[in-house]
């Protein structure tokens, strides 16, 4: 792991700690599943701006795989190439009308299907490669 990866991991830890509650628990679980999907996935913080100085937690392998947005009532995982990713188990539940992007919203009582999400991430990694 290089210094940038360690720093990004620490910054994602800080985002989880800052948000707290069910959204923190959901983000931490999503992060665990994403990182367990492929040994080449690295974490990054992108898209810092004045309205979001902490940036956006992003997972990459030969390009962006997905990023997490903490919404008021959901944690959203956005896959920038999601429209090209096969989704036989119908994990994607939002942004379905986009020609490129697909996303998954996880709400307070949503159950995370680790295996289905892991397969989706693996397909996104394969597409990047």
N, C-alpha and C. Protein backbone atom coordinates (compact mmCIF):
# COMPACT_ATOMS: atom_id res chain seq x y z
N UNK A 1 0.85 -1.19 0.00
CA UNK A 1 0.00 0.00 0.00
C UNK A 1 0.89 1.24 0.00
N UNK A 2 0.57 2.19 -0.86
CA UNK A 2 1.37 3.41 -0.87
C UNK A 2 0.75 4.45 0.07
N UNK A 3 1.46 5.56 0.24
CA UNK A 3 1.03 6.60 1.18
C UNK A 3 -0.32 7.19 0.81
N UNK A 4 -0.57 7.39 -0.50
CA UNK A 4 -1.86 7.93 -0.93
C UNK A 4 -3.01 7.02 -0.54
N UNK A 5 -2.80 5.69 -0.69
CA UNK A 5 -3.84 4.73 -0.32
C UNK A 5 -4.09 4.75 1.19
N UNK A 6 -3.03 4.83 1.98
CA UNK A 6 -3.17 4.90 3.43
C UNK A 6 -3.91 6.17 3.82
N UNK A 7 -3.52 7.30 3.22
CA UNK A 7 -4.18 8.58 3.50
C UNK A 7 -5.66 8.52 3.12
N UNK A 8 -5.98 7.96 1.95
CA UNK A 8 -7.37 7.86 1.51
C UNK A 8 -8.15 6.97 2.47
N UNK A 9 -7.56 5.87 2.89
CA UNK A 9 -8.23 4.99 3.86
C UNK A 9 -8.52 5.71 5.16
N UNK A 10 -7.56 6.49 5.63
CA UNK A 10 -7.77 7.26 6.86
C UNK A 10 -8.85 8.32 6.67
N UNK A 11 -8.87 8.93 5.50
CA UNK A 11 -9.90 9.95 5.23
C UNK A 11 -11.29 9.32 5.13
N UNK A 12 -11.37 8.12 4.56
CA UNK A 12 -12.67 7.43 4.52
C UNK A 12 -13.08 7.03 5.92
N UNK A 13 -12.12 6.59 6.75
CA UNK A 13 -12.42 6.32 8.16
C UNK A 13 -13.01 7.56 8.83
N UNK A 14 -12.44 8.73 8.53
CA UNK A 14 -12.92 9.98 9.12
C UNK A 14 -14.33 10.32 8.63
N UNK A 15 -14.62 10.06 7.36
CA UNK A 15 -15.96 10.30 6.82
C UNK A 15 -16.96 9.40 7.56
N UNK A 16 -16.62 8.14 7.73
CA UNK A 16 -17.49 7.20 8.45
C UNK A 16 -17.73 7.69 9.87
N UNK A 17 -16.67 8.10 10.55
CA UNK A 17 -16.80 8.57 11.93
C UNK A 17 -17.64 9.84 12.02
N UNK A 18 -17.44 10.75 11.06
CA UNK A 18 -18.16 12.02 11.10
C UNK A 18 -19.65 11.85 10.88
N UNK A 19 -20.03 10.99 9.93
CA UNK A 19 -21.46 10.87 9.59
C UNK A 19 -22.22 10.10 10.67
N UNK A 20 -21.62 9.08 11.26
CA UNK A 20 -22.24 8.33 12.34
C UNK A 20 -23.53 7.63 11.95
N UNK A 21 -24.11 6.93 12.90
CA UNK A 21 -25.41 6.31 12.74
C UNK A 21 -25.45 5.21 11.68
N UNK A 22 -26.64 4.96 11.18
CA UNK A 22 -26.85 3.87 10.22
C UNK A 22 -26.11 4.12 8.91
N UNK A 23 -25.95 5.40 8.52
CA UNK A 23 -25.23 5.67 7.26
C UNK A 23 -23.76 5.28 7.40
N UNK A 24 -23.17 5.52 8.56
CA UNK A 24 -21.78 5.13 8.79
C UNK A 24 -21.64 3.61 8.75
N UNK A 25 -22.55 2.92 9.42
CA UNK A 25 -22.51 1.45 9.44
C UNK A 25 -22.68 0.90 8.02
N UNK A 26 -23.57 1.49 7.25
CA UNK A 26 -23.80 1.04 5.87
C UNK A 26 -22.58 1.30 5.01
N UNK A 27 -22.01 2.50 5.10
CA UNK A 27 -20.81 2.81 4.32
C UNK A 27 -19.67 1.89 4.69
N UNK A 28 -19.48 1.62 5.97
CA UNK A 28 -18.40 0.72 6.40
C UNK A 28 -18.62 -0.68 5.84
N UNK A 29 -19.85 -1.16 5.83
CA UNK A 29 -20.13 -2.49 5.29
C UNK A 29 -19.93 -2.52 3.78
N UNK A 30 -20.38 -1.49 3.08
CA UNK A 30 -20.18 -1.42 1.63
C UNK A 30 -18.69 -1.41 1.30
N UNK A 31 -17.95 -0.64 2.05
CA UNK A 31 -16.51 -0.55 1.86
C UNK A 31 -15.85 -1.92 2.03
N UNK A 32 -16.26 -2.65 3.06
CA UNK A 32 -15.71 -3.99 3.31
C UNK A 32 -15.97 -4.90 2.12
N UNK A 33 -17.20 -4.88 1.61
CA UNK A 33 -17.55 -5.74 0.47
C UNK A 33 -16.77 -5.34 -0.77
N UNK A 34 -16.71 -4.05 -1.05
CA UNK A 34 -15.99 -3.57 -2.24
C UNK A 34 -14.53 -3.99 -2.18
N UNK A 35 -13.87 -3.74 -1.06
CA UNK A 35 -12.44 -4.07 -0.95
C UNK A 35 -12.18 -5.57 -1.00
N UNK A 36 -13.15 -6.38 -0.58
CA UNK A 36 -12.98 -7.83 -0.62
C UNK A 36 -13.27 -8.40 -2.00
N UNK A 37 -13.69 -7.57 -2.93
CA UNK A 37 -14.07 -8.05 -4.26
C UNK A 37 -12.87 -8.34 -5.16
N UNK A 38 -11.79 -7.60 -4.98
CA UNK A 38 -10.62 -7.75 -5.84
C UNK A 38 -9.41 -7.15 -5.12
N UNK A 39 -8.31 -7.86 -5.13
CA UNK A 39 -7.12 -7.42 -4.39
C UNK A 39 -6.46 -6.19 -4.99
N UNK A 40 -6.83 -5.81 -6.20
CA UNK A 40 -6.22 -4.64 -6.85
C UNK A 40 -7.01 -3.35 -6.64
N UNK A 41 -8.12 -3.43 -5.92
CA UNK A 41 -8.92 -2.22 -5.68
C UNK A 41 -8.21 -1.33 -4.68
N UNK A 42 -8.12 -0.05 -5.02
CA UNK A 42 -7.55 0.94 -4.11
C UNK A 42 -8.59 2.01 -3.81
N UNK A 43 -8.40 2.65 -2.67
CA UNK A 43 -9.30 3.73 -2.25
C UNK A 43 -8.68 5.08 -2.60
N UNK A 44 -9.55 6.03 -2.90
CA UNK A 44 -9.12 7.38 -3.18
C UNK A 44 -10.19 8.34 -2.69
N UNK A 45 -9.79 9.58 -2.50
CA UNK A 45 -10.73 10.66 -2.21
C UNK A 45 -10.68 11.60 -3.41
N UNK A 46 -11.84 11.84 -4.00
CA UNK A 46 -11.90 12.69 -5.19
C UNK A 46 -12.97 13.75 -5.00
N UNK A 47 -12.99 14.68 -5.92
CA UNK A 47 -14.02 15.71 -6.04
C UNK A 47 -14.22 16.54 -4.77
N UNK A 48 -13.11 17.05 -4.23
CA UNK A 48 -13.20 17.98 -3.11
C UNK A 48 -13.68 19.33 -3.65
N UNK A 49 -14.54 19.98 -2.93
CA UNK A 49 -15.00 21.31 -3.29
C UNK A 49 -15.46 22.01 -2.03
N UNK A 50 -15.66 23.32 -2.07
CA UNK A 50 -16.03 24.03 -0.85
C UNK A 50 -17.27 23.46 -0.15
N UNK A 51 -18.24 23.01 -0.93
CA UNK A 51 -19.45 22.45 -0.31
C UNK A 51 -19.24 21.03 0.20
N UNK A 52 -18.12 20.39 -0.20
CA UNK A 52 -17.80 19.03 0.25
C UNK A 52 -16.29 18.90 0.42
N UNK A 53 -15.74 19.56 1.44
CA UNK A 53 -14.28 19.57 1.62
C UNK A 53 -13.69 18.18 1.91
N UNK A 54 -14.50 17.28 2.44
CA UNK A 54 -13.99 15.93 2.73
C UNK A 54 -13.83 15.09 1.46
N UNK A 55 -14.46 15.53 0.36
CA UNK A 55 -14.37 14.79 -0.89
C UNK A 55 -15.31 13.60 -0.92
N UNK A 56 -15.13 12.77 -1.92
CA UNK A 56 -15.99 11.61 -2.15
C UNK A 56 -15.15 10.34 -2.09
N UNK A 57 -15.57 9.40 -1.25
CA UNK A 57 -14.90 8.10 -1.17
C UNK A 57 -15.07 7.39 -2.51
N UNK A 58 -13.94 6.97 -3.09
CA UNK A 58 -13.94 6.36 -4.42
C UNK A 58 -13.08 5.11 -4.39
N UNK A 59 -13.52 4.08 -5.12
CA UNK A 59 -12.76 2.84 -5.23
C UNK A 59 -12.37 2.68 -6.69
N UNK A 60 -11.10 2.31 -6.91
CA UNK A 60 -10.54 2.29 -8.25
C UNK A 60 -9.76 1.00 -8.52
N UNK A 61 -9.75 0.60 -9.77
CA UNK A 61 -8.88 -0.43 -10.28
C UNK A 61 -8.84 -0.23 -11.79
N UNK A 62 -7.75 0.27 -12.30
CA UNK A 62 -7.64 0.63 -13.72
C UNK A 62 -8.72 1.64 -14.11
N UNK A 63 -9.04 2.54 -13.20
CA UNK A 63 -10.08 3.55 -13.41
C UNK A 63 -11.10 3.47 -12.28
N UNK A 64 -12.03 4.39 -12.28
CA UNK A 64 -13.05 4.42 -11.24
C UNK A 64 -13.97 3.21 -11.36
N UNK A 65 -14.27 2.61 -10.20
CA UNK A 65 -15.23 1.52 -10.14
C UNK A 65 -16.55 2.07 -9.62
N UNK A 66 -16.48 2.67 -8.42
CA UNK A 66 -17.67 3.24 -7.81
C UNK A 66 -17.27 4.28 -6.77
N UNK A 67 -18.25 5.11 -6.42
CA UNK A 67 -18.02 6.12 -5.40
C UNK A 67 -19.25 6.18 -4.50
N UNK A 68 -19.03 6.61 -3.26
CA UNK A 68 -20.11 6.65 -2.27
C UNK A 68 -20.54 8.08 -2.00
N UNK A 69 -21.83 8.31 -2.08
CA UNK A 69 -22.41 9.59 -1.69
C UNK A 69 -23.28 9.37 -0.48
N UNK A 70 -23.11 10.22 0.52
CA UNK A 70 -23.93 10.15 1.71
C UNK A 70 -25.07 11.15 1.55
N UNK A 71 -26.23 10.63 1.22
CA UNK A 71 -27.42 11.45 1.06
C UNK A 71 -28.16 11.54 2.39
N UNK A 72 -29.14 12.40 2.46
CA UNK A 72 -29.89 12.57 3.71
C UNK A 72 -30.54 11.26 4.15
N UNK A 73 -31.13 10.53 3.21
CA UNK A 73 -31.87 9.33 3.56
C UNK A 73 -31.31 8.05 2.96
N UNK A 74 -30.10 8.12 2.41
CA UNK A 74 -29.52 6.94 1.76
C UNK A 74 -28.01 7.06 1.65
N UNK A 75 -27.39 5.92 1.45
CA UNK A 75 -25.99 5.86 1.03
C UNK A 75 -26.05 5.36 -0.41
N UNK A 76 -25.50 6.14 -1.33
CA UNK A 76 -25.57 5.80 -2.76
C UNK A 76 -24.20 5.39 -3.26
N UNK A 77 -24.15 4.22 -3.89
CA UNK A 77 -22.96 3.78 -4.61
C UNK A 77 -23.22 4.03 -6.09
N UNK A 78 -22.39 4.87 -6.69
CA UNK A 78 -22.55 5.20 -8.10
C UNK A 78 -21.43 4.53 -8.89
N UNK A 79 -21.83 3.84 -9.95
CA UNK A 79 -20.90 3.17 -10.85
C UNK A 79 -20.89 3.97 -12.15
N UNK A 80 -19.80 4.70 -12.45
CA UNK A 80 -19.78 5.57 -13.63
C UNK A 80 -19.97 4.83 -14.95
N UNK A 81 -19.61 3.56 -15.02
CA UNK A 81 -19.81 2.76 -16.23
C UNK A 81 -20.90 1.71 -16.01
N UNK A 82 -21.76 1.96 -15.06
CA UNK A 82 -22.76 0.98 -14.65
C UNK A 82 -23.66 0.48 -15.75
N UNK A 83 -23.99 1.32 -16.72
CA UNK A 83 -24.87 0.89 -17.81
C UNK A 83 -24.24 -0.22 -18.65
N UNK A 84 -22.92 -0.36 -18.58
CA UNK A 84 -22.21 -1.39 -19.32
C UNK A 84 -21.97 -2.65 -18.49
N UNK A 85 -22.34 -2.61 -17.21
CA UNK A 85 -22.09 -3.73 -16.30
C UNK A 85 -23.32 -4.62 -16.23
N UNK A 86 -23.13 -5.91 -16.49
CA UNK A 86 -24.22 -6.87 -16.40
C UNK A 86 -24.70 -6.95 -14.95
N UNK A 87 -26.01 -6.89 -14.74
CA UNK A 87 -26.60 -6.88 -13.39
C UNK A 87 -27.75 -7.89 -13.32
N UNK A 88 -27.43 -9.19 -13.41
CA UNK A 88 -28.50 -10.20 -13.44
C UNK A 88 -29.33 -10.27 -12.16
N UNK A 89 -28.78 -9.87 -11.03
CA UNK A 89 -29.53 -9.93 -9.77
C UNK A 89 -30.23 -8.61 -9.44
N UNK A 90 -30.17 -7.65 -10.36
CA UNK A 90 -30.89 -6.37 -10.22
C UNK A 90 -30.49 -5.60 -8.96
N UNK A 91 -29.18 -5.46 -8.77
CA UNK A 91 -28.67 -4.68 -7.64
C UNK A 91 -28.91 -3.19 -7.88
N UNK A 92 -28.68 -2.73 -9.11
CA UNK A 92 -28.90 -1.31 -9.40
C UNK A 92 -30.37 -0.97 -9.20
N UNK A 93 -30.62 0.14 -8.48
CA UNK A 93 -32.01 0.53 -8.23
C UNK A 93 -32.27 2.01 -8.48
N UNK A 94 -31.27 2.73 -9.00
CA UNK A 94 -31.47 4.15 -9.30
C UNK A 94 -30.55 4.56 -10.46
N UNK A 95 -30.87 5.70 -11.05
CA UNK A 95 -30.14 6.22 -12.21
C UNK A 95 -30.25 5.25 -13.39
N UNK A 96 -31.33 4.51 -13.44
CA UNK A 96 -31.51 3.48 -14.45
C UNK A 96 -31.77 4.04 -15.84
N UNK A 97 -32.10 5.34 -15.93
CA UNK A 97 -32.38 5.95 -17.23
C UNK A 97 -31.14 6.59 -17.86
N UNK A 98 -30.03 6.57 -17.17
CA UNK A 98 -28.79 7.15 -17.69
C UNK A 98 -28.20 6.22 -18.75
N UNK A 99 -27.54 6.81 -19.71
CA UNK A 99 -26.90 5.99 -20.75
C UNK A 99 -25.54 5.46 -20.31
N UNK A 100 -25.02 5.95 -19.19
CA UNK A 100 -23.71 5.49 -18.73
C UNK A 100 -23.71 5.06 -17.26
N UNK A 101 -24.28 5.86 -16.40
CA UNK A 101 -24.18 5.69 -14.95
C UNK A 101 -25.33 4.83 -14.41
N UNK A 102 -25.01 4.01 -13.41
CA UNK A 102 -26.03 3.30 -12.64
C UNK A 102 -25.63 3.45 -11.18
N UNK A 103 -26.61 3.32 -10.29
CA UNK A 103 -26.32 3.48 -8.87
C UNK A 103 -27.20 2.55 -8.04
N UNK A 104 -26.80 2.39 -6.79
CA UNK A 104 -27.56 1.62 -5.82
C UNK A 104 -27.76 2.49 -4.60
N UNK A 105 -29.00 2.69 -4.21
CA UNK A 105 -29.30 3.41 -2.97
C UNK A 105 -29.57 2.39 -1.87
N UNK A 106 -28.89 2.59 -0.75
CA UNK A 106 -29.10 1.76 0.44
C UNK A 106 -29.75 2.65 1.49
N UNK A 107 -30.92 2.24 1.96
CA UNK A 107 -31.67 3.01 2.94
C UNK A 107 -31.45 2.42 4.33
N UNK A 108 -32.01 3.08 5.34
CA UNK A 108 -31.75 2.71 6.73
C UNK A 108 -31.94 1.22 7.01
N UNK A 109 -32.95 0.62 6.48
CA UNK A 109 -33.21 -0.79 6.78
C UNK A 109 -32.91 -1.70 5.60
N UNK A 110 -32.13 -1.22 4.64
CA UNK A 110 -31.77 -2.04 3.48
C UNK A 110 -30.83 -3.16 3.90
N UNK A 111 -31.04 -4.32 3.30
CA UNK A 111 -30.13 -5.44 3.51
C UNK A 111 -29.13 -5.42 2.36
N UNK A 112 -27.86 -5.53 2.69
CA UNK A 112 -26.81 -5.57 1.68
C UNK A 112 -26.56 -7.02 1.31
N UNK A 113 -26.76 -7.35 0.05
CA UNK A 113 -26.47 -8.69 -0.45
C UNK A 113 -24.99 -8.70 -0.84
N UNK A 114 -24.16 -9.14 0.09
CA UNK A 114 -22.70 -9.11 -0.12
C UNK A 114 -22.29 -9.78 -1.42
N UNK A 115 -22.81 -10.95 -1.68
CA UNK A 115 -22.39 -11.71 -2.86
C UNK A 115 -22.79 -11.00 -4.15
N UNK A 116 -24.02 -10.50 -4.21
CA UNK A 116 -24.47 -9.81 -5.42
C UNK A 116 -23.67 -8.53 -5.66
N UNK A 117 -23.41 -7.77 -4.59
CA UNK A 117 -22.62 -6.55 -4.73
C UNK A 117 -21.19 -6.88 -5.12
N UNK A 118 -20.63 -7.89 -4.52
CA UNK A 118 -19.25 -8.30 -4.84
C UNK A 118 -19.16 -8.68 -6.33
N UNK A 119 -20.13 -9.40 -6.85
CA UNK A 119 -20.13 -9.78 -8.27
C UNK A 119 -20.25 -8.54 -9.16
N UNK A 120 -21.08 -7.58 -8.75
CA UNK A 120 -21.23 -6.35 -9.52
C UNK A 120 -19.91 -5.58 -9.57
N UNK A 121 -19.24 -5.48 -8.43
CA UNK A 121 -17.94 -4.81 -8.38
C UNK A 121 -16.93 -5.54 -9.25
N UNK A 122 -16.92 -6.85 -9.20
CA UNK A 122 -15.98 -7.63 -10.02
C UNK A 122 -16.24 -7.39 -11.51
N UNK A 123 -17.50 -7.28 -11.89
CA UNK A 123 -17.82 -7.01 -13.29
C UNK A 123 -17.35 -5.61 -13.69
N UNK A 124 -17.49 -4.66 -12.78
CA UNK A 124 -17.02 -3.28 -13.06
C UNK A 124 -15.49 -3.25 -13.19
N UNK A 125 -14.80 -4.00 -12.34
CA UNK A 125 -13.34 -4.09 -12.43
C UNK A 125 -12.95 -4.71 -13.76
N UNK A 126 -13.61 -5.80 -14.14
CA UNK A 126 -13.30 -6.47 -15.41
C UNK A 126 -13.52 -5.53 -16.60
N UNK A 127 -14.57 -4.73 -16.53
CA UNK A 127 -14.84 -3.77 -17.60
C UNK A 127 -13.71 -2.74 -17.71
N UNK A 128 -13.20 -2.28 -16.58
CA UNK A 128 -12.07 -1.34 -16.60
C UNK A 128 -10.81 -1.95 -17.19
N UNK A 129 -10.64 -3.21 -16.97
CA UNK A 129 -9.42 -3.88 -17.46
C UNK A 129 -9.53 -4.13 -18.95
